[in-house]
Structures are given as C-alpha cells and as structure tokens.
Amino acid sequence: MRKIKIGTRDSALALWHANYAKFSLEGKGVEAELISFANSEEIGAALLRGDLDMNAHSLSDLPTTQPDGLVIAGVSLREDPADCLLIRQGETVSNLLFKLKNSAVVGASAAHRKAQLFSYRPDVQFVDRIGDVPINLDQLRSGNCDAFIIANADLARLHLELDGFEKINLNVREFVPAPGQGALAYFCCSDDLETRRLIQQQLHEPNTSAVTNVERKVRKLVGDELPLGVFCERDSSGNYHVWAALADAWDKPVRRVRLSQSTNLGLAEKVVEGLG
C-alpha cells in the first residue's frame, strides 16, 4: 500500500483534522503524511491532479454538493455535536437567559446560530467571528465582544486554555447545531477507487453516516443558503429522532419541528414539510 498523502491548511483546526485522519490510518497500519496548502481551493485542485490522496474537513462546513470530480468517501466518529457560549468572566448575569447581559455583543458568523440565539434573546447584538478559534479567544479576552458561540467539538479538539471565560453548554434539542456538526468528512477524487475503498474500510463510521445523512439531506432539500440547524440521533432500538430549526434570515422568526420514526425512509422529506 502506498503512503497516503493528506492535504491540510495551516490553521489549528485544519491541522487537527488532518492529523486525526493520519493517526487513524497509522493505527490501522497505513502510512500517511501531511502536505500543507494555503487554502481549500488549492487542496481540491491537488486532489484532482493526483498530487493528494485525501483531505479531512468538518462535515458541517461542507456544502451538500461537492465540486466535480470530488466525493465524500466516508465520515468519522462523531464528537459532541452541541454548540456552547463562551462568555468573558465578569460579563455574566445569572438571572438572564444564557447568562448574557442585556444587549450583549456576541461573536457568531453562522446564520443558523444568529437566528436561534436572536429568537431567544432579541436584545443581543452580533459581530462576525473572524479568524481561527484561538484568534476568537484573543478577541474575546480583549473585550471586542462579550461572548461568542462555538462548537464544543472544536474546543475539545484544540485543548485551549479557558481561564477567564464561563462556558454555557447549549442543548442540541433547543439550540439545534449545523447538519453534520461534530463529525469529519473524508473526501477524495471520485475516480480514485483505491483511496475510496481504503477510506470505507479503515476510516468510515456507518453509525455516524446513518444520522448525518438525514441531517444533510434536510439541508440539501432546504438549500445551503438558509439558516438551518438539524440534529438527528438513533436510540438503542434503532429509532430515528430529528430536531430542526429554520428561518428565512437570521433576524426572521424560527420555525421548529421534531419528528421520530423507526426508519430513515422519507424522514428528511417529512422534516422539511414540517418546517413549512
């Protein structure tokens, strides 16, 4: 078996994703190496040229349609899919929802996060999160905002020092995360059958794909542009349970639906129908 070349950007999270894939492969006896690129577009081009074998990326950040010639060949184990609020210590108010002070300034770039927080706390003001997670923490420490929303999985992966912050965990059934949040996607060239087979056999987690496929199908049916949160889980009997939240824009009313059924057949379509 040849050495597998894994593309990555130099950001802290991208390197964690790539190293997770590398160590997972090496744990199965497959040699792998990382190759750095400036941006995701360069990685995609390198995959198509055959200079790379695969890339690992947050599933929640990927559109439902991949560029021509590329395919998601597998997904990882899913870590905590929930979001959390990080609030600068001294800025919390215990008797207010989410402990956010009145007219708190919250860093949140994703529209589905803005929409859901705005639906609970319409007094909140938003600024976009710019840069990687460590940069966001520095901005929060410096007082550029009072809090920001982040995926629990990202915090866990980076092992960041959180002294000076209070962490408020958000319930996935009430503050619904992005489709696929907490899982990694492994993608490669669609005609690279050897790498596709390797990913399926050594890296792919069917239990993760069983639920994230439902979430991403809802996203595909709704469209990638609208603020949408979807979370699906299976219970010990194999039944599917889905929570979804959708708005026409981040500052518009949020529509919510919860559905359960014994199979995933038609489940995404019913969720979209329930969202109106």
C-alpha atoms as a PDB file:
ATOM      1  CA  MET A   1       0.000   0.000   0.000  1.00  0.00           C
ATOM      2  CA  ARG A   2       1.380   3.424  -0.954  1.00  0.00           C
ATOM      3  CA  LYS A   3       1.841   6.236   1.536  1.00  0.00           C
ATOM      4  CA  ILE A   4      -1.392   8.260   1.750  1.00  0.00           C
ATOM      5  CA  LYS A   5      -0.961  11.996   1.164  1.00  0.00           C
ATOM      6  CA  ILE A   6      -3.392  14.092   3.228  1.00  0.00           C
ATOM      7  CA  GLY A   7      -3.926  17.741   2.363  1.00  0.00           C
ATOM      8  CA  THR A   8      -4.300  20.388   5.052  1.00  0.00           C
ATOM      9  CA  ARG A   9      -4.293  24.100   5.657  1.00  0.00           C
ATOM     10  CA  ASP A  10      -2.105  25.580   8.386  1.00  0.00           C
ATOM     11  CA  SER A  11      -4.917  26.612  10.735  1.00  0.00           C
ATOM     12  CA  ALA A  12      -5.093  24.903  14.121  1.00  0.00           C
ATOM     13  CA  LEU A  13      -8.376  23.105  13.388  1.00  0.00           C
ATOM     14  CA  ALA A  14      -7.402  22.038   9.871  1.00  0.00           C
ATOM     15  CA  LEU A  15      -4.176  20.539  11.209  1.00  0.00           C
ATOM     16  CA  TRP A  16      -6.115  18.708  13.922  1.00  0.00           C
ATOM     17  CA  HIS A  17      -8.482  17.252  11.301  1.00  0.00           C
ATOM     18  CA  ALA A  18      -5.609  16.118   9.100  1.00  0.00           C
ATOM     19  CA  ASN A  19      -3.648  14.646  11.986  1.00  0.00           C
ATOM     20  CA  TYR A  20      -6.728  12.792  13.203  1.00  0.00           C
ATOM     21  CA  ALA A  21      -7.001  11.130   9.776  1.00  0.00           C
ATOM     22  CA  LYS A  22      -3.241  10.455   9.714  1.00  0.00           C
ATOM     23  CA  PHE A  23      -3.159   8.859  13.171  1.00  0.00           C
ATOM     24  CA  SER A  24      -6.311   6.846  12.431  1.00  0.00           C
ATOM     25  CA  LEU A  25      -4.728   5.415   9.301  1.00  0.00           C
ATOM     26  CA  GLU A  26      -1.418   4.725  11.021  1.00  0.00           C
ATOM     27  CA  GLY A  27      -3.326   2.917  13.759  1.00  0.00           C
ATOM     28  CA  LYS A  28      -4.539   0.561  11.025  1.00  0.00           C
ATOM     29  CA  GLY A  29      -1.020   0.063   9.668  1.00  0.00           C
ATOM     30  CA  VAL A  30      -1.341   2.531   6.768  1.00  0.00           C
ATOM     31  CA  GLU A  31       1.495   5.029   6.323  1.00  0.00           C
ATOM     32  CA  ALA A  32       0.389   8.654   5.839  1.00  0.00           C
ATOM     33  CA  GLU A  33       1.862  12.138   5.559  1.00  0.00           C
ATOM     34  CA  LEU A  34       0.518  15.694   5.654  1.00  0.00           C
ATOM     35  CA  ILE A  35       1.003  18.223   2.874  1.00  0.00           C
ATOM     36  CA  SER A  36       0.135  21.867   3.612  1.00  0.00           C
ATOM     37  CA  PHE A  37      -1.647  24.295   1.290  1.00  0.00           C
ATOM     38  CA  ALA A  38      -2.725  27.906   1.619  1.00  0.00           C
ATOM     39  CA  ASN A  39      -6.454  27.292   1.122  1.00  0.00           C
ATOM     40  CA  SER A  40      -9.139  24.700   0.413  1.00  0.00           C
ATOM     41  CA  GLU A  41      -9.244  25.542  -3.295  1.00  0.00           C
ATOM     42  CA  GLU A  42      -5.596  24.518  -3.660  1.00  0.00           C
ATOM     43  CA  ILE A  43      -6.334  21.259  -1.853  1.00  0.00           C
ATOM     44  CA  GLY A  44      -9.223  20.497  -4.208  1.00  0.00           C
ATOM     45  CA  ALA A  45      -7.053  21.187  -7.241  1.00  0.00           C
ATOM     46  CA  ALA A  46      -4.269  18.976  -5.863  1.00  0.00           C
ATOM     47  CA  LEU A  47      -6.734  16.127  -5.307  1.00  0.00           C
ATOM     48  CA  LEU A  48      -7.933  16.392  -8.894  1.00  0.00           C
ATOM     49  CA  ARG A  49      -4.344  16.417 -10.200  1.00  0.00           C
ATOM     50  CA  GLY A  50      -3.495  13.326  -8.183  1.00  0.00           C
ATOM     51  CA  ASP A  51      -0.940  15.165  -6.019  1.00  0.00           C
ATOM     52  CA  LEU A  52      -3.007  14.318  -2.923  1.00  0.00           C
ATOM     53  CA  ASP A  53      -4.990  11.267  -1.928  1.00  0.00           C
ATOM     54  CA  MET A  54      -7.474  12.706   0.570  1.00  0.00           C
ATOM     55  CA  ASN A  55      -8.494  15.555   2.824  1.00  0.00           C
ATOM     56  CA  ALA A  56     -10.320  15.707   6.173  1.00  0.00           C
ATOM     57  CA  HIS A  57     -12.763  18.546   6.790  1.00  0.00           C
ATOM     58  CA  SER A  58     -15.563  19.439   9.196  1.00  0.00           C
ATOM     59  CA  LEU A  59     -18.685  17.842   7.753  1.00  0.00           C
ATOM     60  CA  SER A  60     -20.810  20.758   8.935  1.00  0.00           C
ATOM     61  CA  ASP A  61     -18.792  23.199   6.808  1.00  0.00           C
ATOM     62  CA  LEU A  62     -19.171  21.303   3.544  1.00  0.00           C
ATOM     63  CA  PRO A  63     -21.947  22.123   1.057  1.00  0.00           C
ATOM     64  CA  THR A  64     -24.258  19.284   0.087  1.00  0.00           C
ATOM     65  CA  THR A  65     -22.856  19.226  -3.460  1.00  0.00           C
ATOM     66  CA  GLN A  66     -19.124  18.672  -3.922  1.00  0.00           C
ATOM     67  CA  PRO A  67     -17.036  20.086  -6.796  1.00  0.00           C
ATOM     68  CA  ASP A  68     -16.961  17.955  -9.940  1.00  0.00           C
ATOM     69  CA  GLY A  69     -14.535  15.072  -9.532  1.00  0.00           C
ATOM     70  CA  LEU A  70     -14.532  15.057  -5.719  1.00  0.00           C
ATOM     71  CA  VAL A  71     -16.597  12.885  -3.373  1.00  0.00           C
ATOM     72  CA  ILE A  72     -17.116  12.391   0.358  1.00  0.00           C
ATOM     73  CA  ALA A  73     -15.894   8.811   0.751  1.00  0.00           C
ATOM     74  CA  GLY A  74     -16.518   8.432   4.483  1.00  0.00           C
ATOM     75  CA  VAL A  75     -17.156  10.142   7.811  1.00  0.00           C
ATOM     76  CA  SER A  76     -15.508   9.880  11.223  1.00  0.00           C
ATOM     77  CA  LEU A  77     -16.830   9.092  14.656  1.00  0.00           C
ATOM     78  CA  ARG A  78     -18.997  11.952  15.851  1.00  0.00           C
ATOM     79  CA  GLU A  79     -17.863  14.009  18.795  1.00  0.00           C
ATOM     80  CA  ASP A  80     -20.135  16.279  20.834  1.00  0.00           C
ATOM     81  CA  PRO A  81     -22.408  17.937  18.222  1.00  0.00           C
ATOM     82  CA  ALA A  82     -23.571  20.753  20.529  1.00  0.00           C
ATOM     83  CA  ASP A  83     -22.664  24.433  20.491  1.00  0.00           C
ATOM     84  CA  CYS A  84     -21.687  26.438  23.528  1.00  0.00           C
ATOM     85  CA  LEU A  85     -21.415  30.070  24.563  1.00  0.00           C
ATOM     86  CA  LEU A  86     -18.119  31.337  25.895  1.00  0.00           C
ATOM     87  CA  ILE A  87     -18.713  34.455  27.996  1.00  0.00           C
ATOM     88  CA  ARG A  88     -15.990  36.659  29.385  1.00  0.00           C
ATOM     89  CA  GLN A  89     -15.935  36.394  33.149  1.00  0.00           C
ATOM     90  CA  GLY A  90     -17.455  39.444  34.776  1.00  0.00           C
ATOM     91  CA  GLU A  91     -19.954  39.816  31.908  1.00  0.00           C
ATOM     92  CA  THR A  92     -22.408  37.101  33.007  1.00  0.00           C
ATOM     93  CA  VAL A  93     -25.811  37.812  34.556  1.00  0.00           C
ATOM     94  CA  SER A  94     -27.141  34.758  36.382  1.00  0.00           C
ATOM     95  CA  ASN A  95     -30.861  35.594  36.151  1.00  0.00           C
ATOM     96  CA  LEU A  96     -30.896  36.261  32.386  1.00  0.00           C
ATOM     97  CA  LEU A  97     -31.242  33.577  29.707  1.00  0.00           C
ATOM     98  CA  PHE A  98     -27.885  32.021  28.780  1.00  0.00           C
ATOM     99  CA  LYS A  99     -26.372  34.375  31.397  1.00  0.00           C
ATOM    100  CA  LEU A 100     -25.923  37.025  28.701  1.00  0.00           C
ATOM    101  CA  LYS A 101     -26.232  40.606  29.890  1.00  0.00           C
ATOM    102  CA  ASN A 102     -28.720  42.942  28.226  1.00  0.00           C
ATOM    103  CA  SER A 103     -27.646  43.921  24.696  1.00  0.00           C
ATOM    104  CA  ALA A 104     -24.619  41.646  24.893  1.00  0.00           C
ATOM    105  CA  VAL A 105     -22.324  41.653  21.859  1.00  0.00           C
ATOM    106  CA  VAL A 106     -21.910  38.067  20.629  1.00  0.00           C
ATOM    107  CA  GLY A 107     -19.491  36.800  18.004  1.00  0.00           C
ATOM    108  CA  ALA A 108     -21.338  34.472  15.637  1.00  0.00           C
ATOM    109  CA  SER A 109     -20.781  34.183  11.903  1.00  0.00           C
ATOM    110  CA  ALA A 110     -23.116  31.256  11.103  1.00  0.00           C
ATOM    111  CA  ALA A 111     -26.636  32.448  10.270  1.00  0.00           C
ATOM    112  CA  HIS A 112     -28.351  29.485  11.976  1.00  0.00           C
ATOM    113  CA  ARG A 113     -26.614  30.348  15.245  1.00  0.00           C
ATOM    114  CA  LYS A 114     -27.592  34.002  14.981  1.00  0.00           C
ATOM    115  CA  ALA A 115     -31.197  33.103  14.134  1.00  0.00           C
ATOM    116  CA  GLN A 116     -31.670  30.777  17.082  1.00  0.00           C
ATOM    117  CA  LEU A 117     -29.958  32.990  19.644  1.00  0.00           C
ATOM    118  CA  PHE A 118     -31.913  36.006  18.324  1.00  0.00           C
ATOM    119  CA  SER A 119     -35.168  34.049  18.708  1.00  0.00           C
ATOM    120  CA  TYR A 120     -34.415  33.563  22.423  1.00  0.00           C
ATOM    121  CA  ARG A 121     -32.661  36.879  23.076  1.00  0.00           C
ATOM    122  CA  PRO A 122     -33.718  39.584  20.554  1.00  0.00           C
ATOM    123  CA  ASP A 123     -31.739  42.191  22.523  1.00  0.00           C
ATOM    124  CA  VAL A 124     -28.420  40.584  21.566  1.00  0.00           C
ATOM    125  CA  GLN A 125     -26.126  42.292  19.063  1.00  0.00           C
ATOM    126  CA  PHE A 126     -23.906  40.313  16.698  1.00  0.00           C
ATOM    127  CA  VAL A 127     -20.436  40.687  15.264  1.00  0.00           C
ATOM    128  CA  ASP A 128     -18.882  38.214  12.855  1.00  0.00           C
ATOM    129  CA  ARG A 129     -16.239  35.840  14.145  1.00  0.00           C
ATOM    130  CA  ILE A 130     -13.108  36.430  12.106  1.00  0.00           C
ATOM    131  CA  GLY A 131     -10.174  34.034  12.050  1.00  0.00           C
ATOM    132  CA  ASP A 132      -9.456  30.752  13.761  1.00  0.00           C
ATOM    133  CA  VAL A 133     -10.668  29.778  17.230  1.00  0.00           C
ATOM    134  CA  PRO A 134      -7.514  30.911  19.125  1.00  0.00           C
ATOM    135  CA  ILE A 135      -7.869  34.330  17.459  1.00  0.00           C
ATOM    136  CA  ASN A 136     -11.521  34.465  18.561  1.00  0.00           C
ATOM    137  CA  LEU A 137     -10.465  33.772  22.148  1.00  0.00           C
ATOM    138  CA  ASP A 138      -7.956  36.626  21.992  1.00  0.00           C
ATOM    139  CA  GLN A 139     -10.668  38.945  20.631  1.00  0.00           C
ATOM    140  CA  LEU A 140     -12.970  37.909  23.471  1.00  0.00           C
ATOM    141  CA  ARG A 141     -10.264  38.482  26.078  1.00  0.00           C
ATOM    142  CA  SER A 142      -9.533  41.928  24.654  1.00  0.00           C
ATOM    143  CA  GLY A 143     -13.186  42.974  25.010  1.00  0.00           C
ATOM    144  CA  ASN A 144     -14.107  43.156  21.301  1.00  0.00           C
ATOM    145  CA  CYS A 145     -17.240  41.218  22.247  1.00  0.00           C
ATOM    146  CA  ASP A 146     -18.878  39.824  25.385  1.00  0.00           C
ATOM    147  CA  ALA A 147     -19.297  36.225  24.218  1.00  0.00           C
ATOM    148  CA  PHE A 148     -19.124  34.005  21.197  1.00  0.00           C
ATOM    149  CA  ILE A 149     -20.735  30.789  20.019  1.00  0.00           C
ATOM    150  CA  ILE A 150     -18.543  27.846  19.110  1.00  0.00           C
ATOM    151  CA  ALA A 151     -18.860  24.110  18.575  1.00  0.00           C
ATOM    152  CA  ASN A 152     -17.991  22.079  21.664  1.00  0.00           C
ATOM    153  CA  ALA A 153     -16.048  19.674  19.441  1.00  0.00           C
ATOM    154  CA  ASP A 154     -13.729  22.456  18.246  1.00  0.00           C
ATOM    155  CA  LEU A 155     -12.888  23.459  21.806  1.00  0.00           C
ATOM    156  CA  ALA A 156     -12.250  19.854  22.789  1.00  0.00           C
ATOM    157  CA  ARG A 157     -10.013  19.230  19.796  1.00  0.00           C
ATOM    158  CA  LEU A 158      -7.779  22.228  20.388  1.00  0.00           C
ATOM    159  CA  HIS A 159      -7.397  21.823  24.185  1.00  0.00           C
ATOM    160  CA  LEU A 160      -7.499  25.596  24.633  1.00  0.00           C
ATOM    161  CA  GLU A 161      -6.994  27.370  27.924  1.00  0.00           C
ATOM    162  CA  LEU A 162     -10.401  28.717  29.012  1.00  0.00           C
ATOM    163  CA  ASP A 163      -9.402  30.589  32.156  1.00  0.00           C
ATOM    164  CA  GLY A 164     -11.245  33.900  32.198  1.00  0.00           C
ATOM    165  CA  PHE A 165     -14.339  32.521  30.467  1.00  0.00           C
ATOM    166  CA  GLU A 166     -17.585  30.937  31.568  1.00  0.00           C
ATOM    167  CA  LYS A 167     -18.800  28.145  29.293  1.00  0.00           C
ATOM    168  CA  ILE A 168     -22.561  27.733  28.796  1.00  0.00           C
ATOM    169  CA  ASN A 169     -23.475  24.453  27.087  1.00  0.00           C
ATOM    170  CA  LEU A 170     -26.413  24.668  24.675  1.00  0.00           C
ATOM    171  CA  ASN A 171     -28.858  21.759  24.409  1.00  0.00           C
ATOM    172  CA  VAL A 172     -28.869  20.308  20.879  1.00  0.00           C
ATOM    173  CA  ARG A 173     -32.665  19.882  21.043  1.00  0.00           C
ATOM    174  CA  GLU A 174     -33.223  23.548  21.882  1.00  0.00           C
ATOM    175  CA  PHE A 175     -30.274  25.201  20.125  1.00  0.00           C
ATOM    176  CA  VAL A 176     -30.008  22.964  17.081  1.00  0.00           C
ATOM    177  CA  PRO A 177     -26.500  22.663  15.571  1.00  0.00           C
ATOM    178  CA  ALA A 178     -25.438  22.689  11.940  1.00  0.00           C
ATOM    179  CA  PRO A 179     -26.066  19.470   9.961  1.00  0.00           C
ATOM    180  CA  GLY A 180     -23.148  17.105  10.490  1.00  0.00           C
ATOM    181  CA  GLN A 181     -21.574  19.072  13.338  1.00  0.00           C
ATOM    182  CA  GLY A 182     -19.059  17.085  15.361  1.00  0.00           C
ATOM    183  CA  ALA A 183     -18.063  14.740  12.514  1.00  0.00           C
ATOM    184  CA  LEU A 184     -15.290  14.892   9.929  1.00  0.00           C
ATOM    185  CA  ALA A 185     -15.738  14.190   6.239  1.00  0.00           C
ATOM    186  CA  TYR A 186     -13.021  12.339   4.345  1.00  0.00           C
ATOM    187  CA  PHE A 187     -13.078  13.259   0.698  1.00  0.00           C
ATOM    188  CA  CYS A 188     -11.013  12.311  -2.297  1.00  0.00           C
ATOM    189  CA  CYS A 189     -11.111  12.096  -6.086  1.00  0.00           C
ATOM    190  CA  SER A 190     -14.251  10.310  -7.258  1.00  0.00           C
ATOM    191  CA  ASP A 191     -12.310   8.115  -9.691  1.00  0.00           C
ATOM    192  CA  ASP A 192      -9.625   7.191  -7.126  1.00  0.00           C
ATOM    193  CA  LEU A 193     -11.196   3.852  -6.296  1.00  0.00           C
ATOM    194  CA  GLU A 194      -8.241   2.650  -4.247  1.00  0.00           C
ATOM    195  CA  THR A 195      -8.432   5.589  -1.821  1.00  0.00           C
ATOM    196  CA  ARG A 196     -12.226   5.425  -1.691  1.00  0.00           C
ATOM    197  CA  ARG A 197     -12.017   1.766  -0.738  1.00  0.00           C
ATOM    198  CA  LEU A 198      -9.349   2.499   1.888  1.00  0.00           C
ATOM    199  CA  ILE A 199     -11.472   5.216   3.498  1.00  0.00           C
ATOM    200  CA  GLN A 200     -14.536   2.975   3.536  1.00  0.00           C
ATOM    201  CA  GLN A 201     -12.668   0.058   5.075  1.00  0.00           C
ATOM    202  CA  GLN A 202     -10.391   1.869   7.535  1.00  0.00           C
ATOM    203  CA  LEU A 203     -11.967   5.216   8.450  1.00  0.00           C
ATOM    204  CA  HIS A 204     -15.698   5.279   7.701  1.00  0.00           C
ATOM    205  CA  GLU A 205     -18.158   5.091  10.621  1.00  0.00           C
ATOM    206  CA  PRO A 206     -21.601   3.809   9.454  1.00  0.00           C
ATOM    207  CA  ASN A 207     -23.319   4.835  12.691  1.00  0.00           C
ATOM    208  CA  THR A 208     -22.278   8.430  12.120  1.00  0.00           C
ATOM    209  CA  SER A 209     -23.359   8.445   8.494  1.00  0.00           C
ATOM    210  CA  ALA A 210     -26.760   6.955   9.398  1.00  0.00           C
ATOM    211  CA  VAL A 211     -27.718  10.146  11.233  1.00  0.00           C
ATOM    212  CA  THR A 212     -25.644  12.785   9.431  1.00  0.00           C
ATOM    213  CA  ASN A 213     -27.032  11.611   6.083  1.00  0.00           C
ATOM    214  CA  VAL A 214     -30.509  12.519   7.344  1.00  0.00           C
ATOM    215  CA  GLU A 215     -29.289  15.919   8.520  1.00  0.00           C
ATOM    216  CA  ARG A 216     -27.513  16.716   5.271  1.00  0.00           C
ATOM    217  CA  LYS A 217     -30.455  15.563   3.180  1.00  0.00           C
ATOM    218  CA  VAL A 218     -32.645  18.055   5.031  1.00  0.00           C
ATOM    219  CA  ARG A 219     -30.040  20.692   4.234  1.00  0.00           C
ATOM    220  CA  LYS A 220     -29.973  19.707   0.575  1.00  0.00           C
ATOM    221  CA  LEU A 221     -33.763  19.891   0.325  1.00  0.00           C
ATOM    222  CA  VAL A 222     -33.898  23.266   2.069  1.00  0.00           C
ATOM    223  CA  GLY A 223     -30.835  24.696   0.325  1.00  0.00           C
ATOM    224  CA  ASP A 224     -27.414  25.675   1.617  1.00  0.00           C
ATOM    225  CA  GLU A 225     -28.297  29.382   1.883  1.00  0.00           C
ATOM    226  CA  LEU A 226     -30.983  29.449   4.590  1.00  0.00           C
ATOM    227  CA  PRO A 227     -30.217  29.456   8.341  1.00  0.00           C
ATOM    228  CA  LEU A 228     -30.796  25.804   9.257  1.00  0.00           C
ATOM    229  CA  GLY A 229     -29.987  23.650  12.237  1.00  0.00           C
ATOM    230  CA  VAL A 230     -30.640  19.886  12.143  1.00  0.00           C
ATOM    231  CA  PHE A 231     -29.775  17.214  14.669  1.00  0.00           C
ATOM    232  CA  CYS A 232     -30.587  13.506  14.280  1.00  0.00           C
ATOM    233  CA  GLU A 233     -29.925  10.679  16.718  1.00  0.00           C
ATOM    234  CA  ARG A 234     -30.820   6.994  16.998  1.00  0.00           C
ATOM    235  CA  ASP A 235     -31.919   5.355  20.220  1.00  0.00           C
ATOM    236  CA  SER A 236     -30.977   1.891  21.458  1.00  0.00           C
ATOM    237  CA  SER A 237     -33.841   0.371  19.450  1.00  0.00           C
ATOM    238  CA  GLY A 238     -32.664   1.975  16.202  1.00  0.00           C
ATOM    239  CA  ASN A 239     -35.422   4.596  16.025  1.00  0.00           C
ATOM    240  CA  TYR A 240     -34.570   7.962  14.484  1.00  0.00           C
ATOM    241  CA  HIS A 241     -35.288  11.263  16.248  1.00  0.00           C
ATOM    242  CA  VAL A 242     -34.803  14.604  14.495  1.00  0.00           C
ATOM    243  CA  TRP A 243     -34.872  18.201  15.716  1.00  0.00           C
ATOM    244  CA  ALA A 244     -34.700  21.033  13.181  1.00  0.00           C
ATOM    245  CA  ALA A 245     -34.842  24.834  13.234  1.00  0.00           C
ATOM    246  CA  LEU A 246     -35.168  27.007  10.118  1.00  0.00           C
ATOM    247  CA  ALA A 247     -35.513  30.731   9.421  1.00  0.00           C
ATOM    248  CA  ASP A 248     -35.763  32.751   6.220  1.00  0.00           C
ATOM    249  CA  ALA A 249     -32.970  35.001   7.516  1.00  0.00           C
ATOM    250  CA  TRP A 250     -31.079  35.288  10.787  1.00  0.00           C
ATOM    251  CA  ASP A 251     -33.388  38.065  12.037  1.00  0.00           C
ATOM    252  CA  LYS A 252     -36.642  36.357  10.966  1.00  0.00           C
ATOM    253  CA  PRO A 253     -38.864  34.015  13.041  1.00  0.00           C
ATOM    254  CA  VAL A 254     -37.505  30.494  13.596  1.00  0.00           C
ATOM    255  CA  ARG A 255     -39.706  27.532  12.658  1.00  0.00           C
ATOM    256  CA  ARG A 256     -39.073  24.311  14.558  1.00  0.00           C
ATOM    257  CA  VAL A 257     -40.001  20.667  14.136  1.00  0.00           C
ATOM    258  CA  ARG A 258     -39.371  17.417  15.991  1.00  0.00           C
ATOM    259  CA  LEU A 259     -40.043  14.059  14.338  1.00  0.00           C
ATOM    260  CA  SER A 260     -39.438  10.412  15.217  1.00  0.00           C
ATOM    261  CA  GLN A 261     -39.842   7.222  13.238  1.00  0.00           C
ATOM    262  CA  SER A 262     -38.457   3.710  13.117  1.00  0.00           C
ATOM    263  CA  THR A 263     -36.568   4.110   9.810  1.00  0.00           C
ATOM    264  CA  ASN A 264     -34.935   6.939   7.879  1.00  0.00           C
ATOM    265  CA  LEU A 265     -37.203   6.335   4.860  1.00  0.00           C
ATOM    266  CA  GLY A 266     -38.678   9.679   3.850  1.00  0.00           C
ATOM    267  CA  LEU A 267     -37.626  11.194   7.160  1.00  0.00           C
ATOM    268  CA  ALA A 268     -35.788  14.198   5.727  1.00  0.00           C
ATOM    269  CA  GLU A 269     -38.716  14.993   3.451  1.00  0.00           C
ATOM    270  CA  LYS A 270     -41.123  14.927   6.402  1.00  0.00           C
ATOM    271  CA  VAL A 271     -38.844  17.238   8.384  1.00  0.00           C
ATOM    272  CA  VAL A 272     -38.786  19.763   5.529  1.00  0.00           C
ATOM    273  CA  GLU A 273     -42.562  19.508   5.162  1.00  0.00           C
ATOM    274  CA  GLY A 274     -42.948  20.174   8.889  1.00  0.00           C
ATOM    275  CA  LEU A 275     -40.717  23.231   8.637  1.00  0.00           C
ATOM    276  CA  GLY A 276     -43.107  24.657   6.064  1.00  0.00           C
END
